Amino acid sequence: MADIKPVQPVKYFIASLYSSKEMLAKAMQVAKDHWGDTDYESIDFPFDVTDYYEPEMGAGINRKLIVFQTLYSPTLLVDMKLGCNTIENELAIDGKRLVNLDAGYLDHNKIILASAKDAGQKVYLDKGIYADLAGRYKNGKYQPFEWSFPDFRDGRYDKDFIAIRKLYMKQLKVWRDSQPCL
């Protein structure tokens, strides 16, 4: 029987969609109150792959990746997704979300997004939340799958995910060095 080893912590992020920077700032302040400071933010990317969110959020939607400094267990994903849903609902006006907060994490070889929707590639975790494998690290970058969101497939976040991975790998080394020898 194989020895069970402690799970390595992962680097959590929120892939936000928003049309109001003010509402994003409010949402992220609540998120930081829950999960701590951030250590990386991407530029604002135009979210131009679908108009699905425009009836709720209006035109001119952007995506921003916002990354938390503290490494956490991958088991936090369910609670983070539920927490993001709560933040979205608290900031909604007349039932319309003004921000969409997709919780996710990366480690040295994959990107996982949390989802409340089932699909063939998704793995059920708990409390109505699924893990969606959105990319794997190969040949120097995170490569998407055919089911990955179109904006994750088109390469616009590649440099950001590599920069986040570099931060993660440095933090992971510190974590590993702090682990007792078993």
Protein backbone atom coordinates (compact mmCIF):
# COMPACT_ATOMS: atom_id res chain seq x y z
CA MET A 1 0.00 0.00 0.00
CA ALA A 2 1.29 3.46 -0.87
CA ASP A 3 2.00 5.92 1.90
CA ILE A 4 -0.43 8.81 2.05
CA LYS A 5 1.44 12.09 1.86
CA PRO A 6 0.21 15.53 2.86
CA VAL A 7 -1.49 17.35 0.02
CA GLN A 8 0.53 20.19 -1.45
CA PRO A 9 -1.10 23.59 -1.18
CA VAL A 10 -2.20 25.38 -4.35
CA LYS A 11 -2.39 28.96 -5.64
CA TYR A 12 -5.96 30.29 -5.66
CA PHE A 13 -7.28 32.96 -7.99
CA ILE A 14 -10.52 34.57 -8.99
CA ALA A 15 -11.20 35.00 -12.69
CA SER A 16 -13.55 37.96 -12.45
CA LEU A 17 -15.96 39.31 -15.01
CA TYR A 18 -17.22 42.86 -14.54
CA SER A 19 -18.26 46.01 -16.33
CA SER A 20 -17.84 48.33 -13.33
CA LYS A 21 -14.39 48.69 -11.74
CA GLU A 22 -16.10 50.06 -8.64
CA MET A 23 -18.16 46.88 -8.21
CA LEU A 24 -15.11 44.70 -8.81
CA ALA A 25 -13.22 46.63 -6.11
CA LYS A 26 -16.12 46.08 -3.67
CA ALA A 27 -16.25 42.38 -4.51
CA MET A 28 -12.52 41.93 -4.13
CA GLN A 29 -12.46 43.71 -0.77
CA VAL A 30 -14.94 41.16 0.55
CA ALA A 31 -12.92 38.34 -1.05
CA LYS A 32 -9.72 39.63 0.59
CA ASP A 33 -11.51 39.77 3.94
CA HIS A 34 -12.19 36.03 3.49
CA TRP A 35 -9.02 34.73 1.82
CA GLY A 36 -6.32 37.30 2.49
CA ASP A 37 -4.14 39.61 0.47
CA THR A 38 -3.44 39.24 -3.21
CA ASP A 39 -0.02 39.12 -4.83
CA TYR A 40 -0.86 39.29 -8.52
CA GLU A 41 -3.42 40.97 -10.76
CA SER A 42 -3.62 40.74 -14.52
CA ILE A 43 -4.47 43.60 -16.78
CA ASP A 44 -8.12 44.08 -17.71
CA PHE A 45 -8.86 41.82 -20.68
CA PRO A 46 -11.90 42.53 -22.87
CA PHE A 47 -14.35 39.69 -22.47
CA ASP A 48 -15.37 39.41 -26.09
CA VAL A 49 -16.00 35.70 -26.60
CA THR A 50 -19.74 35.82 -25.86
CA ASP A 51 -22.46 38.32 -25.06
CA TYR A 52 -24.07 35.88 -22.58
CA TYR A 53 -23.45 38.16 -19.55
CA GLU A 54 -24.48 41.47 -21.15
CA PRO A 55 -28.17 41.31 -20.09
CA GLU A 56 -27.01 41.13 -16.46
CA MET A 57 -23.83 43.17 -16.47
CA GLY A 58 -24.18 45.49 -19.44
CA ALA A 59 -21.76 46.05 -22.30
CA GLY A 60 -18.01 46.48 -21.98
CA ILE A 61 -17.33 43.43 -19.81
CA ASN A 62 -13.75 42.71 -18.81
CA ARG A 63 -11.97 39.79 -17.21
CA LYS A 64 -9.25 40.20 -14.61
CA LEU A 65 -7.30 37.46 -12.88
CA ILE A 66 -6.73 38.23 -9.20
CA VAL A 67 -4.46 35.89 -7.26
CA PHE A 68 -4.30 35.28 -3.53
CA GLN A 69 -0.96 35.37 -1.77
CA THR A 70 -1.53 32.56 0.71
CA LEU A 71 -1.35 28.98 -0.51
CA TYR A 72 -4.28 26.84 0.58
CA SER A 73 -5.33 23.21 0.37
CA PRO A 74 -7.13 22.28 -2.84
CA THR A 75 -10.06 21.25 -0.64
CA LEU A 76 -10.89 24.95 -0.13
CA LEU A 77 -12.28 25.12 -3.69
CA VAL A 78 -15.87 24.29 -2.70
CA ASP A 79 -16.02 26.91 0.04
CA MET A 80 -14.33 29.52 -2.14
CA LYS A 81 -16.82 28.97 -4.97
CA LEU A 82 -19.75 29.18 -2.56
CA GLY A 83 -18.21 32.32 -1.03
CA CYS A 84 -17.82 33.88 -4.48
CA ASN A 85 -21.47 33.11 -5.22
CA THR A 86 -22.46 34.83 -1.98
CA ILE A 87 -20.42 37.94 -2.87
CA GLU A 88 -22.03 38.06 -6.32
CA ASN A 89 -25.50 37.82 -4.82
CA GLU A 90 -24.84 40.44 -2.12
CA LEU A 91 -23.72 42.95 -4.77
CA ALA A 92 -26.52 42.14 -7.24
CA ILE A 93 -29.14 44.77 -7.98
CA ASP A 94 -32.66 43.63 -8.79
CA GLY A 95 -31.39 40.06 -9.13
CA LYS A 96 -28.75 41.01 -11.71
CA ARG A 97 -25.14 40.24 -10.92
CA LEU A 98 -22.72 43.09 -11.45
CA VAL A 99 -19.68 40.85 -11.03
CA ASN A 100 -19.06 37.20 -11.83
CA LEU A 101 -16.36 35.61 -9.68
CA ASP A 102 -14.99 32.29 -10.90
CA ALA A 103 -12.88 30.67 -8.19
CA GLY A 104 -10.00 28.50 -9.29
CA TYR A 105 -6.50 27.39 -8.53
CA LEU A 106 -3.34 26.30 -10.22
CA ASP A 107 -0.52 24.07 -9.21
CA HIS A 108 2.63 23.07 -11.03
CA ASN A 109 0.75 20.99 -13.59
CA LYS A 110 -2.90 22.06 -13.86
CA ILE A 111 -5.54 24.78 -13.69
CA ILE A 112 -8.83 23.94 -11.99
CA LEU A 113 -11.95 26.11 -12.05
CA ALA A 114 -14.90 25.63 -9.71
CA SER A 115 -18.31 25.22 -11.29
CA ALA A 116 -21.88 24.74 -10.20
CA LYS A 117 -22.69 23.11 -13.54
CA ASP A 118 -22.13 19.44 -14.35
CA ALA A 119 -20.44 18.31 -17.58
CA GLY A 120 -18.55 15.26 -18.80
CA GLN A 121 -15.09 16.44 -17.77
CA LYS A 122 -16.13 17.84 -14.38
CA VAL A 123 -15.67 15.98 -11.11
CA TYR A 124 -18.21 16.43 -8.34
CA LEU A 125 -16.68 17.67 -5.09
CA ASP A 126 -19.37 18.64 -2.56
CA LYS A 127 -22.31 21.01 -1.92
CA GLY A 128 -23.23 21.25 -5.61
CA ILE A 129 -19.73 22.24 -6.75
CA TYR A 130 -17.63 20.55 -9.42
CA ALA A 131 -13.94 20.77 -10.31
CA ASP A 132 -13.39 21.66 -13.97
CA LEU A 133 -9.95 20.81 -15.36
CA ALA A 134 -9.26 23.87 -17.53
CA GLY A 135 -5.61 23.38 -18.47
CA ARG A 136 -2.48 21.34 -17.92
CA TYR A 137 1.12 22.46 -17.85
CA LYS A 138 3.10 21.06 -20.78
CA ASN A 139 5.92 22.40 -22.95
CA GLY A 140 6.33 25.57 -20.89
CA LYS A 141 2.70 26.68 -20.66
CA TYR A 142 -0.73 25.72 -19.44
CA GLN A 143 -2.48 24.14 -22.38
CA PRO A 144 -6.27 24.19 -22.55
CA PHE A 145 -8.62 21.38 -23.48
CA GLU A 146 -11.38 21.40 -26.08
CA TRP A 147 -13.91 22.00 -23.28
CA SER A 148 -12.02 24.94 -21.72
CA PHE A 149 -13.72 28.34 -21.90
CA PRO A 150 -12.95 30.08 -25.22
CA ASP A 151 -11.04 32.92 -23.55
CA PHE A 152 -8.91 30.36 -21.69
CA ARG A 153 -8.27 28.54 -25.00
CA ASP A 154 -7.20 31.52 -27.09
CA GLY A 155 -3.96 32.22 -25.19
CA ARG A 156 -4.76 35.68 -23.84
CA TYR A 157 -3.95 34.63 -20.24
CA ASP A 158 -0.87 32.50 -21.01
CA LYS A 159 1.70 35.05 -19.76
CA ASP A 160 -0.29 35.65 -16.61
CA PHE A 161 -0.61 31.97 -15.76
CA ILE A 162 3.13 31.49 -16.26
CA ALA A 163 3.86 34.47 -13.98
CA ILE A 164 1.45 33.07 -11.38
CA ARG A 165 3.09 29.65 -11.68
CA LYS A 166 6.51 31.21 -10.98
CA LEU A 167 5.15 32.81 -7.80
CA TYR A 168 3.58 29.51 -6.84
CA MET A 169 6.73 27.46 -7.42
CA LYS A 170 8.75 29.81 -5.15
CA GLN A 171 6.10 29.57 -2.45
CA LEU A 172 5.86 25.80 -2.85
CA LYS A 173 9.61 25.45 -2.30
CA VAL A 174 9.31 27.36 0.99
CA TRP A 175 6.38 25.13 1.99
CA ARG A 176 8.30 21.95 1.12
CA ASP A 177 11.36 23.14 3.05
CA SER A 178 9.17 23.70 6.10
CA GLN A 179 7.69 20.19 6.08
CA PRO A 180 9.06 17.73 8.65
CA CYS A 181 10.88 14.73 7.24
CA LEU A 182 8.68 11.67 7.57
